Amino acid sequence: MPDVRNCRRCGRMYNYLGGPPICIDCKNADEEVFKKIKAYLYEFPGATLSQVALDCDVSVEKIKMFLREGRLEITDGANIILECEKCGKSIKTGRFCTECQSQLQHDISGTVGKPEKEEKKPGVGMRYLNKNFQ
């Protein structure tokens, strides 16, 4: 059964397939903005956040969203501060510093547990019943 939702950005109904809760049109619009920023940064590497926002006509929040998604990275010496969501340490991209990310992965792997191997029992499973089937 399809998961129909309203787009958080434009309000239109769409079939949710995973990822951010926005429709395909808004995802495509975000992708166009990202391509614009990417092209700008190829031409002007090391540009500041305010330069990129102004020259590309993109909000600072949108650029920070791409930083949090790990699609952009802050260069050394930049005036942008991105903080780990867990400990507040300064990071260059993503949501968490490497230490917190490792701790979260460890915590998740500990709670999920490893699946137990299923013992093979004779006669359990699938087999071909009628070799003379026509």
N, C-alpha and C. Protein backbone atom coordinates (compact mmCIF):
# COMPACT_ATOMS: atom_id res chain seq x y z
N MET A 1 0.85 -1.17 0.00
CA MET A 1 0.00 0.00 0.00
C MET A 1 0.90 1.24 0.00
N PRO A 2 0.63 2.21 -0.87
CA PRO A 2 1.47 3.40 -0.96
C PRO A 2 1.35 4.27 0.29
N ASP A 3 2.42 4.95 0.60
CA ASP A 3 2.47 5.87 1.74
C ASP A 3 2.30 7.28 1.18
N VAL A 4 1.08 7.79 1.22
CA VAL A 4 0.77 9.11 0.67
C VAL A 4 0.90 10.14 1.78
N ARG A 5 1.66 11.20 1.49
CA ARG A 5 1.90 12.26 2.46
C ARG A 5 1.79 13.62 1.80
N ASN A 6 1.75 14.64 2.63
CA ASN A 6 1.82 16.01 2.13
C ASN A 6 3.26 16.48 2.23
N CYS A 7 3.74 17.11 1.18
CA CYS A 7 5.10 17.63 1.13
C CYS A 7 5.24 18.71 2.20
N ARG A 8 6.29 18.63 2.98
CA ARG A 8 6.53 19.62 4.03
C ARG A 8 6.85 20.99 3.47
N ARG A 9 7.29 21.04 2.24
CA ARG A 9 7.68 22.33 1.67
C ARG A 9 6.54 22.99 0.90
N CYS A 10 5.92 22.26 -0.03
CA CYS A 10 4.89 22.89 -0.88
C CYS A 10 3.47 22.49 -0.50
N GLY A 11 3.33 21.43 0.30
CA GLY A 11 2.00 21.02 0.76
C GLY A 11 1.27 20.05 -0.16
N ARG A 12 1.82 19.79 -1.35
CA ARG A 12 1.15 18.86 -2.27
C ARG A 12 1.25 17.43 -1.77
N MET A 13 0.27 16.62 -2.16
CA MET A 13 0.29 15.20 -1.80
C MET A 13 1.23 14.46 -2.75
N TYR A 14 1.93 13.47 -2.21
CA TYR A 14 2.85 12.68 -3.03
C TYR A 14 3.01 11.30 -2.41
N ASN A 15 3.54 10.37 -3.18
CA ASN A 15 3.80 9.02 -2.71
C ASN A 15 5.19 9.00 -2.09
N TYR A 16 5.25 8.86 -0.77
CA TYR A 16 6.52 8.90 -0.04
C TYR A 16 7.28 7.60 -0.27
N LEU A 17 8.55 7.73 -0.70
CA LEU A 17 9.39 6.57 -0.98
C LEU A 17 10.60 6.48 -0.06
N GLY A 18 10.77 7.45 0.82
CA GLY A 18 11.91 7.48 1.73
C GLY A 18 12.68 8.77 1.59
N GLY A 19 13.59 9.00 2.53
CA GLY A 19 14.39 10.21 2.51
C GLY A 19 13.63 11.38 3.13
N PRO A 20 14.04 12.60 2.77
CA PRO A 20 13.36 13.77 3.33
C PRO A 20 11.88 13.76 2.94
N PRO A 21 11.01 14.24 3.84
CA PRO A 21 9.57 14.20 3.55
C PRO A 21 9.11 15.32 2.62
N ILE A 22 9.69 15.33 1.40
CA ILE A 22 9.28 16.31 0.40
C ILE A 22 9.00 15.60 -0.92
N CYS A 23 8.19 16.24 -1.74
CA CYS A 23 7.78 15.64 -3.02
C CYS A 23 8.93 15.64 -4.02
N ILE A 24 8.75 14.94 -5.11
CA ILE A 24 9.80 14.80 -6.13
C ILE A 24 10.12 16.14 -6.78
N ASP A 25 9.12 17.02 -6.94
CA ASP A 25 9.38 18.34 -7.54
C ASP A 25 10.28 19.18 -6.63
N CYS A 26 10.03 19.13 -5.33
CA CYS A 26 10.87 19.88 -4.38
C CYS A 26 12.27 19.25 -4.29
N LYS A 27 12.35 17.92 -4.39
CA LYS A 27 13.66 17.26 -4.40
C LYS A 27 14.45 17.69 -5.64
N ASN A 28 13.76 17.74 -6.79
CA ASN A 28 14.42 18.17 -8.03
C ASN A 28 14.87 19.63 -7.94
N ALA A 29 14.05 20.48 -7.31
CA ALA A 29 14.42 21.88 -7.13
C ALA A 29 15.65 21.98 -6.25
N ASP A 30 15.71 21.19 -5.18
CA ASP A 30 16.90 21.16 -4.31
C ASP A 30 18.14 20.72 -5.08
N GLU A 31 17.96 19.73 -5.93
CA GLU A 31 19.08 19.22 -6.72
C GLU A 31 19.61 20.29 -7.67
N GLU A 32 18.73 21.08 -8.27
CA GLU A 32 19.15 22.18 -9.16
C GLU A 32 19.92 23.23 -8.38
N VAL A 33 19.46 23.55 -7.17
CA VAL A 33 20.16 24.51 -6.32
C VAL A 33 21.54 23.97 -5.96
N PHE A 34 21.62 22.67 -5.62
CA PHE A 34 22.90 22.07 -5.28
C PHE A 34 23.86 22.14 -6.47
N LYS A 35 23.38 21.85 -7.67
CA LYS A 35 24.23 21.91 -8.86
C LYS A 35 24.76 23.33 -9.07
N LYS A 36 23.92 24.32 -8.81
CA LYS A 36 24.32 25.72 -8.95
C LYS A 36 25.44 26.06 -7.95
N ILE A 37 25.27 25.62 -6.71
CA ILE A 37 26.28 25.86 -5.67
C ILE A 37 27.57 25.12 -6.02
N LYS A 38 27.46 23.89 -6.47
CA LYS A 38 28.62 23.08 -6.82
C LYS A 38 29.42 23.75 -7.95
N ALA A 39 28.72 24.22 -8.98
CA ALA A 39 29.39 24.91 -10.09
C ALA A 39 30.07 26.18 -9.60
N TYR A 40 29.41 26.90 -8.72
CA TYR A 40 29.99 28.13 -8.18
C TYR A 40 31.27 27.82 -7.40
N LEU A 41 31.24 26.78 -6.58
CA LEU A 41 32.40 26.42 -5.77
C LEU A 41 33.56 25.88 -6.62
N TYR A 42 33.26 25.29 -7.77
CA TYR A 42 34.34 24.88 -8.68
C TYR A 42 35.04 26.12 -9.24
N GLU A 43 34.25 27.14 -9.51
CA GLU A 43 34.82 28.37 -10.07
C GLU A 43 35.49 29.22 -8.99
N PHE A 44 34.91 29.23 -7.78
CA PHE A 44 35.43 30.04 -6.68
C PHE A 44 35.66 29.17 -5.44
N PRO A 45 36.67 28.30 -5.47
CA PRO A 45 36.91 27.43 -4.32
C PRO A 45 37.26 28.27 -3.08
N GLY A 46 36.76 27.85 -1.94
CA GLY A 46 37.04 28.57 -0.70
C GLY A 46 36.15 29.78 -0.48
N ALA A 47 35.10 29.93 -1.28
CA ALA A 47 34.18 31.06 -1.10
C ALA A 47 33.51 30.95 0.27
N THR A 48 33.16 32.09 0.84
CA THR A 48 32.50 32.09 2.14
C THR A 48 31.03 31.75 1.99
N LEU A 49 30.42 31.41 3.10
CA LEU A 49 29.00 31.08 3.11
C LEU A 49 28.17 32.24 2.58
N SER A 50 28.48 33.43 3.04
CA SER A 50 27.70 34.60 2.60
C SER A 50 27.91 34.89 1.11
N GLN A 51 29.12 34.68 0.60
CA GLN A 51 29.38 34.87 -0.83
C GLN A 51 28.54 33.89 -1.66
N VAL A 52 28.57 32.63 -1.26
CA VAL A 52 27.82 31.61 -1.99
C VAL A 52 26.32 31.93 -1.95
N ALA A 53 25.82 32.26 -0.77
CA ALA A 53 24.39 32.56 -0.62
C ALA A 53 23.99 33.75 -1.48
N LEU A 54 24.80 34.80 -1.46
CA LEU A 54 24.48 36.01 -2.22
C LEU A 54 24.60 35.79 -3.72
N ASP A 55 25.72 35.24 -4.17
CA ASP A 55 25.96 35.08 -5.60
C ASP A 55 25.07 34.01 -6.24
N CYS A 56 24.68 33.01 -5.48
CA CYS A 56 23.83 31.95 -6.03
C CYS A 56 22.35 32.18 -5.72
N ASP A 57 22.06 33.24 -4.98
CA ASP A 57 20.68 33.55 -4.58
C ASP A 57 20.03 32.35 -3.87
N VAL A 58 20.75 31.85 -2.86
CA VAL A 58 20.33 30.69 -2.08
C VAL A 58 20.38 31.07 -0.61
N SER A 59 19.44 30.56 0.16
CA SER A 59 19.43 30.88 1.58
C SER A 59 20.58 30.18 2.31
N VAL A 60 21.04 30.80 3.38
CA VAL A 60 22.09 30.22 4.22
C VAL A 60 21.61 28.89 4.78
N GLU A 61 20.32 28.81 5.13
CA GLU A 61 19.75 27.57 5.68
C GLU A 61 19.85 26.42 4.68
N LYS A 62 19.61 26.72 3.41
CA LYS A 62 19.70 25.69 2.36
C LYS A 62 21.14 25.19 2.24
N ILE A 63 22.11 26.10 2.30
CA ILE A 63 23.51 25.70 2.22
C ILE A 63 23.88 24.86 3.43
N LYS A 64 23.41 25.26 4.61
CA LYS A 64 23.67 24.48 5.82
C LYS A 64 23.02 23.09 5.74
N MET A 65 21.87 23.01 5.07
CA MET A 65 21.22 21.71 4.88
C MET A 65 22.14 20.78 4.07
N PHE A 66 22.75 21.31 3.01
CA PHE A 66 23.67 20.51 2.19
C PHE A 66 24.91 20.13 3.00
N LEU A 67 25.37 21.01 3.88
CA LEU A 67 26.50 20.68 4.75
C LEU A 67 26.12 19.55 5.69
N ARG A 68 24.93 19.61 6.29
CA ARG A 68 24.46 18.57 7.22
C ARG A 68 24.26 17.24 6.51
N GLU A 69 23.86 17.29 5.25
CA GLU A 69 23.68 16.06 4.48
C GLU A 69 25.02 15.45 4.06
N GLY A 70 26.10 16.18 4.25
CA GLY A 70 27.42 15.69 3.85
C GLY A 70 27.70 15.90 2.37
N ARG A 71 26.96 16.75 1.73
CA ARG A 71 27.15 17.00 0.30
C ARG A 71 28.13 18.14 0.05
N LEU A 72 28.34 18.98 1.05
CA LEU A 72 29.33 20.06 0.99
C LEU A 72 30.21 19.94 2.22
N GLU A 73 31.41 20.53 2.14
CA GLU A 73 32.33 20.48 3.26
C GLU A 73 32.94 21.86 3.47
N ILE A 74 33.13 22.21 4.73
CA ILE A 74 33.74 23.48 5.09
C ILE A 74 35.25 23.32 4.96
N THR A 75 35.89 24.29 4.30
CA THR A 75 37.34 24.23 4.14
C THR A 75 38.03 24.82 5.37
N ASP A 76 39.31 24.51 5.52
CA ASP A 76 40.09 25.05 6.64
C ASP A 76 40.14 26.57 6.54
N GLY A 77 39.99 27.23 7.67
CA GLY A 77 40.07 28.69 7.72
C GLY A 77 38.78 29.40 7.35
N ALA A 78 37.73 28.65 7.07
CA ALA A 78 36.45 29.28 6.70
C ALA A 78 35.80 29.89 7.94
N ASN A 79 34.95 30.88 7.72
CA ASN A 79 34.29 31.55 8.84
C ASN A 79 32.96 30.90 9.19
N ILE A 80 32.72 29.70 8.71
CA ILE A 80 31.48 28.99 8.98
C ILE A 80 31.72 28.02 10.14
N ILE A 81 30.78 27.97 11.05
CA ILE A 81 30.88 27.03 12.15
C ILE A 81 29.73 26.05 12.06
N LEU A 82 30.07 24.79 11.96
CA LEU A 82 29.09 23.71 11.96
C LEU A 82 29.42 22.86 13.18
N GLU A 83 28.42 22.59 14.00
CA GLU A 83 28.67 21.88 15.25
C GLU A 83 28.05 20.50 15.24
N CYS A 84 28.74 19.57 15.92
CA CYS A 84 28.23 18.22 16.14
C CYS A 84 26.92 18.34 16.92
N GLU A 85 25.90 17.65 16.47
CA GLU A 85 24.59 17.73 17.12
C GLU A 85 24.57 17.07 18.49
N LYS A 86 25.58 16.26 18.79
CA LYS A 86 25.61 15.56 20.07
C LYS A 86 26.49 16.28 21.10
N CYS A 87 27.73 16.60 20.72
CA CYS A 87 28.67 17.18 21.70
C CYS A 87 28.98 18.65 21.48
N GLY A 88 28.65 19.19 20.30
CA GLY A 88 28.90 20.60 20.02
C GLY A 88 30.28 20.90 19.45
N LYS A 89 31.09 19.87 19.23
CA LYS A 89 32.42 20.05 18.66
C LYS A 89 32.30 20.58 17.22
N SER A 90 33.25 21.39 16.80
CA SER A 90 33.26 21.95 15.46
C SER A 90 33.54 20.86 14.43
N ILE A 91 32.74 20.79 13.38
CA ILE A 91 32.92 19.79 12.32
C ILE A 91 32.88 20.46 10.96
N LYS A 92 33.30 19.74 9.92
CA LYS A 92 33.35 20.30 8.57
C LYS A 92 32.16 19.91 7.72
N THR A 93 31.53 18.78 8.04
CA THR A 93 30.40 18.31 7.25
C THR A 93 29.61 17.30 8.07
N GLY A 94 28.37 17.06 7.69
CA GLY A 94 27.55 16.06 8.35
C GLY A 94 26.86 16.57 9.60
N ARG A 95 26.44 15.64 10.45
CA ARG A 95 25.70 15.99 11.66
C ARG A 95 26.48 15.73 12.93
N PHE A 96 27.44 14.80 12.86
CA PHE A 96 28.16 14.40 14.06
C PHE A 96 29.67 14.38 13.81
N CYS A 97 30.46 14.61 14.88
CA CYS A 97 31.91 14.47 14.78
C CYS A 97 32.23 12.98 14.68
N THR A 98 33.47 12.66 14.34
CA THR A 98 33.82 11.25 14.15
C THR A 98 33.68 10.45 15.44
N GLU A 99 34.00 11.05 16.58
CA GLU A 99 33.88 10.34 17.85
C GLU A 99 32.43 10.00 18.17
N CYS A 100 31.55 10.98 18.04
CA CYS A 100 30.12 10.76 18.33
C CYS A 100 29.51 9.79 17.32
N GLN A 101 29.93 9.90 16.06
CA GLN A 101 29.43 8.99 15.03
C GLN A 101 29.83 7.55 15.36
N SER A 102 31.08 7.35 15.78
CA SER A 102 31.53 6.02 16.16
C SER A 102 30.75 5.50 17.36
N GLN A 103 30.51 6.36 18.35
CA GLN A 103 29.76 5.97 19.54
C GLN A 103 28.32 5.60 19.17
N LEU A 104 27.70 6.38 18.30
CA LEU A 104 26.33 6.08 17.88
C LEU A 104 26.26 4.75 17.13
N GLN A 105 27.23 4.50 16.26
CA GLN A 105 27.26 3.23 15.54
C GLN A 105 27.45 2.06 16.49
N HIS A 106 28.31 2.25 17.49
CA HIS A 106 28.53 1.21 18.49
C HIS A 106 27.26 0.95 19.29
N ASP A 107 26.58 2.03 19.70
CA ASP A 107 25.33 1.90 20.46
C ASP A 107 24.27 1.18 19.65
N ILE A 108 24.15 1.53 18.38
CA ILE A 108 23.13 0.91 17.52
C ILE A 108 23.44 -0.56 17.31
N SER A 109 24.70 -0.89 17.02
CA SER A 109 25.05 -2.29 16.80
C SER A 109 24.85 -3.12 18.06
N GLY A 110 25.00 -2.51 19.22
CA GLY A 110 24.78 -3.22 20.48
C GLY A 110 23.32 -3.49 20.77
N THR A 111 22.44 -2.57 20.35
CA THR A 111 21.02 -2.76 20.62
C THR A 111 20.34 -3.65 19.60
N VAL A 112 20.82 -3.62 18.38
CA VAL A 112 20.19 -4.42 17.33
C VAL A 112 20.50 -5.89 17.52
N GLY A 113 21.72 -6.21 17.84
CA GLY A 113 22.11 -7.61 18.01
C GLY A 113 22.31 -8.29 16.68
N LYS A 114 22.95 -9.41 16.74
CA LYS A 114 23.22 -10.15 15.52
C LYS A 114 22.20 -11.27 15.38
N PRO A 115 21.72 -11.48 14.15
CA PRO A 115 20.74 -12.55 13.96
C PRO A 115 21.38 -13.92 14.21
N GLU A 116 20.61 -14.76 14.83
CA GLU A 116 21.10 -16.11 15.08
C GLU A 116 21.00 -16.94 13.81
N LYS A 117 21.98 -17.82 13.62
CA LYS A 117 21.95 -18.69 12.45
C LYS A 117 20.87 -19.73 12.64
N GLU A 118 20.12 -19.93 11.57
CA GLU A 118 19.06 -20.91 11.62
C GLU A 118 19.63 -22.28 11.28
N GLU A 119 19.33 -23.24 12.11
CA GLU A 119 19.82 -24.59 11.85
C GLU A 119 19.02 -25.20 10.71
N LYS A 120 19.72 -25.89 9.81
CA LYS A 120 19.03 -26.56 8.72
C LYS A 120 18.45 -27.86 9.25
N LYS A 121 17.17 -28.02 9.02
CA LYS A 121 16.50 -29.25 9.44
C LYS A 121 16.20 -30.06 8.20
N PRO A 122 16.36 -31.34 8.28
CA PRO A 122 16.08 -32.16 7.09
C PRO A 122 14.61 -32.04 6.70
N GLY A 123 14.39 -31.84 5.41
CA GLY A 123 13.02 -31.78 4.89
C GLY A 123 12.36 -30.42 5.03
N VAL A 124 13.04 -29.47 5.61
CA VAL A 124 12.47 -28.13 5.77
C VAL A 124 13.03 -27.25 4.67
N GLY A 125 12.16 -26.54 3.99
CA GLY A 125 12.58 -25.68 2.91
C GLY A 125 11.73 -25.96 1.68
N MET A 126 12.32 -25.85 0.51
CA MET A 126 11.59 -26.08 -0.73
C MET A 126 12.20 -27.25 -1.47
N ARG A 127 11.36 -27.92 -2.20
CA ARG A 127 11.85 -29.00 -3.06
C ARG A 127 10.90 -29.15 -4.23
N TYR A 128 11.37 -29.81 -5.26
CA TYR A 128 10.58 -30.04 -6.45
C TYR A 128 9.78 -31.31 -6.24
N LEU A 129 8.44 -31.21 -6.36
CA LEU A 129 7.60 -32.34 -6.02
C LEU A 129 7.39 -33.34 -7.16
N ASN A 130 7.10 -32.83 -8.33
CA ASN A 130 6.71 -33.73 -9.41
C ASN A 130 7.61 -33.51 -10.62
N LYS A 131 8.54 -34.43 -10.84
CA LYS A 131 9.46 -34.29 -11.95
C LYS A 131 8.77 -34.55 -13.29
N ASN A 132 7.61 -35.14 -13.27
CA ASN A 132 6.90 -35.45 -14.50
C ASN A 132 5.83 -34.41 -14.82
N PHE A 133 5.93 -33.24 -14.23
CA PHE A 133 4.95 -32.17 -14.44
C PHE A 133 4.97 -31.74 -15.90
N GLN A 134 3.76 -31.54 -16.47
CA GLN A 134 3.67 -31.18 -17.88
C GLN A 134 3.03 -29.88 -18.09
